[in-house]
Amino acid sequence: MITIIPAIDLIDGKCVRLSQGDYAEKKVYHDHPTDVAKEFEQLGITRLHLVDLDGAKAGAVMNLRVLEDIAKHTHLKIDFGGGVANAGTARQVVNAGAQWISVGSIAVKNPGALKEWMSEIGPERFMIGADVRDRKLAISGWLEQTDIDIMDFIQQWSEVGVRQFFCTDIAKDGLLQGPSLDLYRDLLQRHPAIEVIASGGVASMHDIDRLEELGCHGVIVGKAIYEGKITKDQLKQRIA
């Protein structure tokens, strides 16, 4: 069964969503992310995608206390990303309660450093994000476009021992127009051994069903939940 992973994106310690990665298109959904996480757990959710958008933009973790608070007050398995820029910070994130460190930009800008972190902490504690426009990676909070092909990128890191990859089609993100099914289908065909976590564009339970049929390991859902396109009752029934 596909794992439904709600997203909590953080700016100034608050739960927000962006559209297509545009910091100017910010909408605040809740002032207290820990309360949101508790609600998810009560529905039967077991996992959380926590993104420090301030950190992604600044290049340094800015919302570590939120991670600590959620880890302290829930039993959710949390992946945390945004601004993890060195091994010391990566260890801080794990010590603060994250099950996985989600990274993206560092895997492109300084792969040697990331491999050193993995040798210290273990590749199984890392989840690599591949955020794409036209199947080319975008990094630094989606602000910097590269010419790196997603298939080559995933091949490189799967060979190191990373098994979990979450992929966001930025053109779909926050628009509630459905996920990039063709992209995930191609990823799974090219890389059958990895765990693909879909992200971006999910607008209904039907979208989640289609991703499950493709073989996706998980799906990150944000705006669809906050805008009521996927209701709490639907989540509860699906997870039960």
C-alpha atoms as a PDB file:
ATOM      1  CA  MET A   1       0.000   0.000   0.000  1.00  0.00           C
ATOM      2  CA  ILE A   2       1.218   3.472  -0.850  1.00  0.00           C
ATOM      3  CA  THR A   3       2.230   5.605   2.139  1.00  0.00           C
ATOM      4  CA  ILE A   4       0.439   8.949   2.359  1.00  0.00           C
ATOM      5  CA  ILE A   5       2.887  11.561   3.628  1.00  0.00           C
ATOM      6  CA  PRO A   6       1.423  14.966   4.487  1.00  0.00           C
ATOM      7  CA  ALA A   7       3.715  17.931   3.975  1.00  0.00           C
ATOM      8  CA  ILE A   8       4.242  20.764   6.397  1.00  0.00           C
ATOM      9  CA  ASP A   9       6.212  23.605   4.805  1.00  0.00           C
ATOM     10  CA  LEU A  10       7.651  26.133   7.227  1.00  0.00           C
ATOM     11  CA  ILE A  11       8.220  29.865   6.954  1.00  0.00           C
ATOM     12  CA  ASP A  12       8.712  31.874  10.167  1.00  0.00           C
ATOM     13  CA  GLY A  13       7.676  28.781  12.142  1.00  0.00           C
ATOM     14  CA  LYS A  14       4.258  28.666  10.471  1.00  0.00           C
ATOM     15  CA  CYS A  15       2.634  26.108   8.201  1.00  0.00           C
ATOM     16  CA  VAL A  16       2.496  27.540   4.664  1.00  0.00           C
ATOM     17  CA  ARG A  17       2.236  26.484   1.029  1.00  0.00           C
ATOM     18  CA  LEU A  18       3.823  27.985  -2.057  1.00  0.00           C
ATOM     19  CA  SER A  19       2.657  27.710  -5.659  1.00  0.00           C
ATOM     20  CA  GLN A  20       5.331  26.453  -8.061  1.00  0.00           C
ATOM     21  CA  GLY A  21       8.034  27.274  -5.543  1.00  0.00           C
ATOM     22  CA  ASP A  22       7.326  31.008  -5.636  1.00  0.00           C
ATOM     23  CA  TYR A  23       8.062  32.561  -2.239  1.00  0.00           C
ATOM     24  CA  ALA A  24       5.923  35.550  -3.241  1.00  0.00           C
ATOM     25  CA  GLU A  25       2.926  33.220  -3.591  1.00  0.00           C
ATOM     26  CA  LYS A  26       2.822  32.191   0.049  1.00  0.00           C
ATOM     27  CA  LYS A  27      -0.338  31.202   1.902  1.00  0.00           C
ATOM     28  CA  VAL A  28      -0.297  30.658   5.673  1.00  0.00           C
ATOM     29  CA  TYR A  29      -2.523  27.753   6.712  1.00  0.00           C
ATOM     30  CA  HIS A  30      -1.732  27.422  10.387  1.00  0.00           C
ATOM     31  CA  ASP A  31       0.345  29.251  12.983  1.00  0.00           C
ATOM     32  CA  HIS A  32       1.151  26.099  14.974  1.00  0.00           C
ATOM     33  CA  PRO A  33       2.673  23.247  12.924  1.00  0.00           C
ATOM     34  CA  THR A  34       2.801  20.848  15.877  1.00  0.00           C
ATOM     35  CA  ASP A  35      -0.989  21.032  16.195  1.00  0.00           C
ATOM     36  CA  VAL A  36      -1.272  20.189  12.492  1.00  0.00           C
ATOM     37  CA  ALA A  37       1.073  17.211  12.942  1.00  0.00           C
ATOM     38  CA  LYS A  38      -0.979  15.952  15.894  1.00  0.00           C
ATOM     39  CA  GLU A  39      -4.132  16.094  13.794  1.00  0.00           C
ATOM     40  CA  PHE A  40      -2.478  14.031  11.085  1.00  0.00           C
ATOM     41  CA  GLU A  41      -1.370  11.431  13.610  1.00  0.00           C
ATOM     42  CA  GLN A  42      -4.901  11.156  14.992  1.00  0.00           C
ATOM     43  CA  LEU A  43      -6.095  10.258  11.481  1.00  0.00           C
ATOM     44  CA  GLY A  44      -3.696   7.325  11.348  1.00  0.00           C
ATOM     45  CA  ILE A  45      -0.907   9.045   9.432  1.00  0.00           C
ATOM     46  CA  THR A  46       2.498   7.610  10.351  1.00  0.00           C
ATOM     47  CA  ARG A  47       4.885   9.786   8.400  1.00  0.00           C
ATOM     48  CA  LEU A  48       5.502  13.499   7.829  1.00  0.00           C
ATOM     49  CA  HIS A  49       7.418  15.540   5.247  1.00  0.00           C
ATOM     50  CA  LEU A  50       8.725  18.648   7.021  1.00  0.00           C
ATOM     51  CA  VAL A  51      10.334  21.346   4.885  1.00  0.00           C
ATOM     52  CA  ASP A  52      12.212  24.358   6.200  1.00  0.00           C
ATOM     53  CA  LEU A  53      11.583  26.835   3.376  1.00  0.00           C
ATOM     54  CA  ASP A  54      13.433  29.557   5.266  1.00  0.00           C
ATOM     55  CA  GLY A  55      16.374  27.190   5.490  1.00  0.00           C
ATOM     56  CA  ALA A  56      16.224  26.252   1.822  1.00  0.00           C
ATOM     57  CA  LYS A  57      16.441  29.908   0.883  1.00  0.00           C
ATOM     58  CA  ALA A  58      19.090  30.844   3.460  1.00  0.00           C
ATOM     59  CA  GLY A  59      21.294  27.786   3.074  1.00  0.00           C
ATOM     60  CA  ALA A  60      21.099  27.028   6.807  1.00  0.00           C
ATOM     61  CA  VAL A  61      18.464  25.307   8.940  1.00  0.00           C
ATOM     62  CA  MET A  62      16.138  27.912  10.448  1.00  0.00           C
ATOM     63  CA  ASN A  63      13.246  25.918  11.914  1.00  0.00           C
ATOM     64  CA  LEU A  64      14.956  23.164  13.934  1.00  0.00           C
ATOM     65  CA  ARG A  65      12.813  23.902  16.985  1.00  0.00           C
ATOM     66  CA  VAL A  66       9.676  23.029  15.051  1.00  0.00           C
ATOM     67  CA  LEU A  67      11.175  19.628  14.201  1.00  0.00           C
ATOM     68  CA  GLU A  68      12.082  19.076  17.844  1.00  0.00           C
ATOM     69  CA  ASP A  69       8.600  20.009  18.986  1.00  0.00           C
ATOM     70  CA  ILE A  70       6.806  17.746  16.514  1.00  0.00           C
ATOM     71  CA  ALA A  71       9.146  14.837  17.282  1.00  0.00           C
ATOM     72  CA  LYS A  72       8.573  15.357  20.997  1.00  0.00           C
ATOM     73  CA  HIS A  73       4.785  15.501  20.816  1.00  0.00           C
ATOM     74  CA  THR A  74       4.046  12.858  18.145  1.00  0.00           C
ATOM     75  CA  HIS A  75       5.254   9.428  17.068  1.00  0.00           C
ATOM     76  CA  LEU A  76       5.403  10.405  13.404  1.00  0.00           C
ATOM     77  CA  LYS A  77       8.387   9.321  11.340  1.00  0.00           C
ATOM     78  CA  ILE A  78       9.679  12.613  10.001  1.00  0.00           C
ATOM     79  CA  ASP A  79      11.846  13.452   7.049  1.00  0.00           C
ATOM     80  CA  PHE A  80      13.259  16.956   7.378  1.00  0.00           C
ATOM     81  CA  GLY A  81      14.900  19.097   4.753  1.00  0.00           C
ATOM     82  CA  GLY A  82      15.793  22.640   3.871  1.00  0.00           C
ATOM     83  CA  GLY A  83      19.110  24.260   4.640  1.00  0.00           C
ATOM     84  CA  VAL A  84      21.060  21.171   5.735  1.00  0.00           C
ATOM     85  CA  ALA A  85      24.474  22.397   4.612  1.00  0.00           C
ATOM     86  CA  ASN A  86      27.081  20.391   6.562  1.00  0.00           C
ATOM     87  CA  ALA A  87      27.607  17.171   8.492  1.00  0.00           C
ATOM     88  CA  GLY A  88      27.143  18.898  11.843  1.00  0.00           C
ATOM     89  CA  THR A  89      23.726  20.196  10.835  1.00  0.00           C
ATOM     90  CA  ALA A  90      22.779  16.792   9.450  1.00  0.00           C
ATOM     91  CA  ARG A  91      23.572  15.237  12.831  1.00  0.00           C
ATOM     92  CA  GLN A  92      21.572  17.982  14.560  1.00  0.00           C
ATOM     93  CA  VAL A  93      18.567  17.154  12.413  1.00  0.00           C
ATOM     94  CA  VAL A  94      18.809  13.467  13.323  1.00  0.00           C
ATOM     95  CA  ASN A  95      19.309  14.298  17.003  1.00  0.00           C
ATOM     96  CA  ALA A  96      16.279  16.597  16.879  1.00  0.00           C
ATOM     97  CA  GLY A  97      14.105  13.648  15.905  1.00  0.00           C
ATOM     98  CA  ALA A  98      14.167  13.236  12.138  1.00  0.00           C
ATOM     99  CA  GLN A  99      14.105   9.672  10.832  1.00  0.00           C
ATOM    100  CA  TRP A 100      15.465  10.852   7.494  1.00  0.00           C
ATOM    101  CA  ILE A 101      17.346  13.892   6.242  1.00  0.00           C
ATOM    102  CA  SER A 102      15.945  15.049   2.930  1.00  0.00           C
ATOM    103  CA  VAL A 103      18.485  16.766   0.720  1.00  0.00           C
ATOM    104  CA  GLY A 104      18.528  18.115  -2.787  1.00  0.00           C
ATOM    105  CA  SER A 105      20.854  20.981  -3.608  1.00  0.00           C
ATOM    106  CA  ILE A 106      23.882  19.521  -1.831  1.00  0.00           C
ATOM    107  CA  ALA A 107      23.609  16.356  -3.929  1.00  0.00           C
ATOM    108  CA  VAL A 108      24.158  18.538  -6.989  1.00  0.00           C
ATOM    109  CA  LYS A 109      26.518  21.213  -5.708  1.00  0.00           C
ATOM    110  CA  ASN A 110      28.791  19.120  -3.515  1.00  0.00           C
ATOM    111  CA  PRO A 111      28.215  15.379  -3.953  1.00  0.00           C
ATOM    112  CA  GLY A 112      31.557  14.596  -2.338  1.00  0.00           C
ATOM    113  CA  ALA A 113      30.495  16.243   0.896  1.00  0.00           C
ATOM    114  CA  LEU A 114      27.158  14.436   0.901  1.00  0.00           C
ATOM    115  CA  LYS A 115      28.899  11.093   0.462  1.00  0.00           C
ATOM    116  CA  GLU A 116      31.038  11.929   3.503  1.00  0.00           C
ATOM    117  CA  TRP A 117      27.890  12.657   5.534  1.00  0.00           C
ATOM    118  CA  MET A 118      26.457   9.348   4.408  1.00  0.00           C
ATOM    119  CA  SER A 119      29.588   7.504   5.488  1.00  0.00           C
ATOM    120  CA  GLU A 120      29.189   9.052   8.950  1.00  0.00           C
ATOM    121  CA  ILE A 121      25.423   8.792   9.374  1.00  0.00           C
ATOM    122  CA  GLY A 122      24.485   6.044   6.915  1.00  0.00           C
ATOM    123  CA  PRO A 123      22.935   6.360   3.423  1.00  0.00           C
ATOM    124  CA  GLU A 124      19.700   4.824   4.734  1.00  0.00           C
ATOM    125  CA  ARG A 125      19.092   7.976   6.784  1.00  0.00           C
ATOM    126  CA  PHE A 126      18.995  10.157   3.677  1.00  0.00           C
ATOM    127  CA  MET A 127      16.152  10.814   1.266  1.00  0.00           C
ATOM    128  CA  ILE A 128      17.131  12.657  -1.888  1.00  0.00           C
ATOM    129  CA  GLY A 129      14.819  15.143  -3.521  1.00  0.00           C
ATOM    130  CA  ALA A 130      14.755  15.549  -7.270  1.00  0.00           C
ATOM    131  CA  ASP A 131      12.779  18.664  -8.104  1.00  0.00           C
ATOM    132  CA  VAL A 132      12.414  19.093 -11.845  1.00  0.00           C
ATOM    133  CA  ARG A 133      11.276  21.366 -14.633  1.00  0.00           C
ATOM    134  CA  ASP A 134      11.063  19.463 -17.931  1.00  0.00           C
ATOM    135  CA  ARG A 135      12.915  16.594 -16.213  1.00  0.00           C
ATOM    136  CA  LYS A 136      15.927  18.798 -15.415  1.00  0.00           C
ATOM    137  CA  LEU A 137      16.824  19.438 -11.787  1.00  0.00           C
ATOM    138  CA  ALA A 138      16.076  22.725 -10.064  1.00  0.00           C
ATOM    139  CA  ILE A 139      17.877  23.423  -6.779  1.00  0.00           C
ATOM    140  CA  SER A 140      18.250  26.016  -4.011  1.00  0.00           C
ATOM    141  CA  GLY A 141      14.576  26.140  -3.176  1.00  0.00           C
ATOM    142  CA  TRP A 142      13.769  25.815  -6.894  1.00  0.00           C
ATOM    143  CA  LEU A 143      15.421  29.166  -7.551  1.00  0.00           C
ATOM    144  CA  GLU A 144      18.322  27.756  -9.626  1.00  0.00           C
ATOM    145  CA  GLN A 145      17.797  25.710 -12.797  1.00  0.00           C
ATOM    146  CA  THR A 146      20.350  23.081 -13.926  1.00  0.00           C
ATOM    147  CA  ASP A 147      20.828  20.914 -17.020  1.00  0.00           C
ATOM    148  CA  ILE A 148      21.073  17.686 -15.003  1.00  0.00           C
ATOM    149  CA  ASP A 149      18.743  14.922 -16.172  1.00  0.00           C
ATOM    150  CA  ILE A 150      16.709  13.330 -13.384  1.00  0.00           C
ATOM    151  CA  MET A 151      17.327   9.774 -14.581  1.00  0.00           C
ATOM    152  CA  ASP A 152      21.106  10.209 -14.499  1.00  0.00           C
ATOM    153  CA  PHE A 153      20.907  11.902 -11.106  1.00  0.00           C
ATOM    154  CA  ILE A 154      18.948   9.070  -9.525  1.00  0.00           C
ATOM    155  CA  GLN A 155      21.231   6.461 -11.066  1.00  0.00           C
ATOM    156  CA  GLN A 156      24.240   8.175  -9.491  1.00  0.00           C
ATOM    157  CA  TRP A 157      22.813   8.176  -5.981  1.00  0.00           C
ATOM    158  CA  SER A 158      21.162   4.767  -6.083  1.00  0.00           C
ATOM    159  CA  GLU A 159      24.610   3.337  -6.762  1.00  0.00           C
ATOM    160  CA  VAL A 160      25.806   4.903  -3.487  1.00  0.00           C
ATOM    161  CA  GLY A 161      23.074   3.138  -1.510  1.00  0.00           C
ATOM    162  CA  VAL A 162      20.258   5.693  -1.351  1.00  0.00           C
ATOM    163  CA  ARG A 163      16.888   4.011  -1.768  1.00  0.00           C
ATOM    164  CA  GLN A 164      14.331   6.768  -1.202  1.00  0.00           C
ATOM    165  CA  PHE A 165      13.840   9.543  -3.728  1.00  0.00           C
ATOM    166  CA  PHE A 166      11.047  12.085  -3.746  1.00  0.00           C
ATOM    167  CA  CYS A 167      10.392  13.759  -7.035  1.00  0.00           C
ATOM    168  CA  THR A 168       8.471  16.980  -7.559  1.00  0.00           C
ATOM    169  CA  ASP A 169       7.452  18.293 -10.952  1.00  0.00           C
ATOM    170  CA  ILE A 170       7.542  22.016 -10.200  1.00  0.00           C
ATOM    171  CA  ALA A 171       5.141  22.734 -13.061  1.00  0.00           C
ATOM    172  CA  LYS A 172       2.523  20.732 -11.160  1.00  0.00           C
ATOM    173  CA  ASP A 173       3.260  21.844  -7.622  1.00  0.00           C
ATOM    174  CA  GLY A 174       0.509  23.702  -5.798  1.00  0.00           C
ATOM    175  CA  LEU A 175      -1.807  23.806  -8.817  1.00  0.00           C
ATOM    176  CA  LEU A 176      -4.025  20.811  -7.910  1.00  0.00           C
ATOM    177  CA  GLN A 177      -4.025  19.643 -11.531  1.00  0.00           C
ATOM    178  CA  GLY A 178      -2.879  16.069 -10.960  1.00  0.00           C
ATOM    179  CA  PRO A 179       0.574  14.501 -10.618  1.00  0.00           C
ATOM    180  CA  SER A 180       3.090  13.793 -13.380  1.00  0.00           C
ATOM    181  CA  LEU A 181       2.160  10.160 -13.936  1.00  0.00           C
ATOM    182  CA  ASP A 182       4.369   9.730 -17.003  1.00  0.00           C
ATOM    183  CA  LEU A 183       7.404  10.963 -15.077  1.00  0.00           C
ATOM    184  CA  TYR A 184       6.869   8.514 -12.213  1.00  0.00           C
ATOM    185  CA  ARG A 185       6.128   5.656 -14.591  1.00  0.00           C
ATOM    186  CA  ASP A 186       9.416   6.292 -16.392  1.00  0.00           C
ATOM    187  CA  LEU A 187      11.334   6.562 -13.110  1.00  0.00           C
ATOM    188  CA  LEU A 188       9.983   3.244 -11.878  1.00  0.00           C
ATOM    189  CA  GLN A 189      10.742   1.520 -15.161  1.00  0.00           C
ATOM    190  CA  ARG A 190      14.296   2.844 -15.269  1.00  0.00           C
ATOM    191  CA  HIS A 191      15.001   2.344 -11.559  1.00  0.00           C
ATOM    192  CA  PRO A 192      12.866  -0.527 -10.226  1.00  0.00           C
ATOM    193  CA  ALA A 193      14.968  -0.998  -7.080  1.00  0.00           C
ATOM    194  CA  ILE A 194      14.386   2.463  -5.609  1.00  0.00           C
ATOM    195  CA  GLU A 195      11.470   3.761  -3.569  1.00  0.00           C
ATOM    196  CA  VAL A 196       9.815   6.565  -5.537  1.00  0.00           C
ATOM    197  CA  ILE A 197       7.843   9.100  -3.515  1.00  0.00           C
ATOM    198  CA  ALA A 198       5.633  11.268  -5.696  1.00  0.00           C
ATOM    199  CA  SER A 199       5.146  14.948  -4.919  1.00  0.00           C
ATOM    200  CA  GLY A 200       3.328  17.820  -6.559  1.00  0.00           C
ATOM    201  CA  GLY A 201      -0.061  18.190  -8.178  1.00  0.00           C
ATOM    202  CA  VAL A 202      -2.020  15.646  -6.119  1.00  0.00           C
ATOM    203  CA  ALA A 203      -5.612  16.893  -6.009  1.00  0.00           C
ATOM    204  CA  SER A 204      -7.753  13.898  -5.031  1.00  0.00           C
ATOM    205  CA  MET A 205      -7.782  10.388  -3.635  1.00  0.00           C
ATOM    206  CA  HIS A 206      -8.080   9.232  -7.238  1.00  0.00           C
ATOM    207  CA  ASP A 207      -4.647  10.720  -7.945  1.00  0.00           C
ATOM    208  CA  ILE A 208      -3.255   8.732  -5.009  1.00  0.00           C
ATOM    209  CA  ASP A 209      -4.883   5.555  -6.350  1.00  0.00           C
ATOM    210  CA  ARG A 210      -3.249   6.083  -9.737  1.00  0.00           C
ATOM    211  CA  LEU A 211       0.178   6.601  -8.156  1.00  0.00           C
ATOM    212  CA  GLU A 212      -0.297   3.420  -6.133  1.00  0.00           C
ATOM    213  CA  GLU A 213      -1.165   1.519  -9.308  1.00  0.00           C
ATOM    214  CA  LEU A 214       2.095   2.715 -10.872  1.00  0.00           C
ATOM    215  CA  GLY A 215       4.029   1.320  -7.930  1.00  0.00           C
ATOM    216  CA  CYS A 216       5.033   4.491  -6.096  1.00  0.00           C
ATOM    217  CA  HIS A 217       6.210   3.795  -2.559  1.00  0.00           C
ATOM    218  CA  GLY A 218       4.731   6.984  -1.157  1.00  0.00           C
ATOM    219  CA  VAL A 219       3.028  10.240  -2.014  1.00  0.00           C
ATOM    220  CA  ILE A 220       3.585  13.652  -0.445  1.00  0.00           C
ATOM    221  CA  VAL A 221       0.373  15.638  -0.178  1.00  0.00           C
ATOM    222  CA  GLY A 222       0.126  19.258   0.888  1.00  0.00           C
ATOM    223  CA  LYS A 223      -2.209  21.777  -0.652  1.00  0.00           C
ATOM    224  CA  ALA A 224      -4.929  19.226  -1.474  1.00  0.00           C
ATOM    225  CA  ILE A 225      -5.331  18.550   2.240  1.00  0.00           C
ATOM    226  CA  TYR A 226      -5.158  22.173   3.334  1.00  0.00           C
ATOM    227  CA  GLU A 227      -7.645  23.255   0.668  1.00  0.00           C
ATOM    228  CA  GLY A 228     -10.057  20.417   1.509  1.00  0.00           C
ATOM    229  CA  LYS A 229      -9.708  18.613  -1.828  1.00  0.00           C
ATOM    230  CA  ILE A 230      -8.720  15.554   0.196  1.00  0.00           C
ATOM    231  CA  THR A 231     -10.689  15.522   3.434  1.00  0.00           C
ATOM    232  CA  LYS A 232      -9.695  14.234   6.836  1.00  0.00           C
ATOM    233  CA  ASP A 233     -12.482  11.632   6.607  1.00  0.00           C
ATOM    234  CA  GLN A 234     -11.073  10.386   3.298  1.00  0.00           C
ATOM    235  CA  LEU A 235      -7.602  10.096   4.791  1.00  0.00           C
ATOM    236  CA  LYS A 236      -8.904   8.273   7.826  1.00  0.00           C
ATOM    237  CA  GLN A 237     -10.910   5.808   5.733  1.00  0.00           C
ATOM    238  CA  ARG A 238      -8.021   5.173   3.375  1.00  0.00           C
ATOM    239  CA  ILE A 239      -5.494   4.554   6.128  1.00  0.00           C
ATOM    240  CA  ALA A 240      -7.770   2.474   8.382  1.00  0.00           C
END
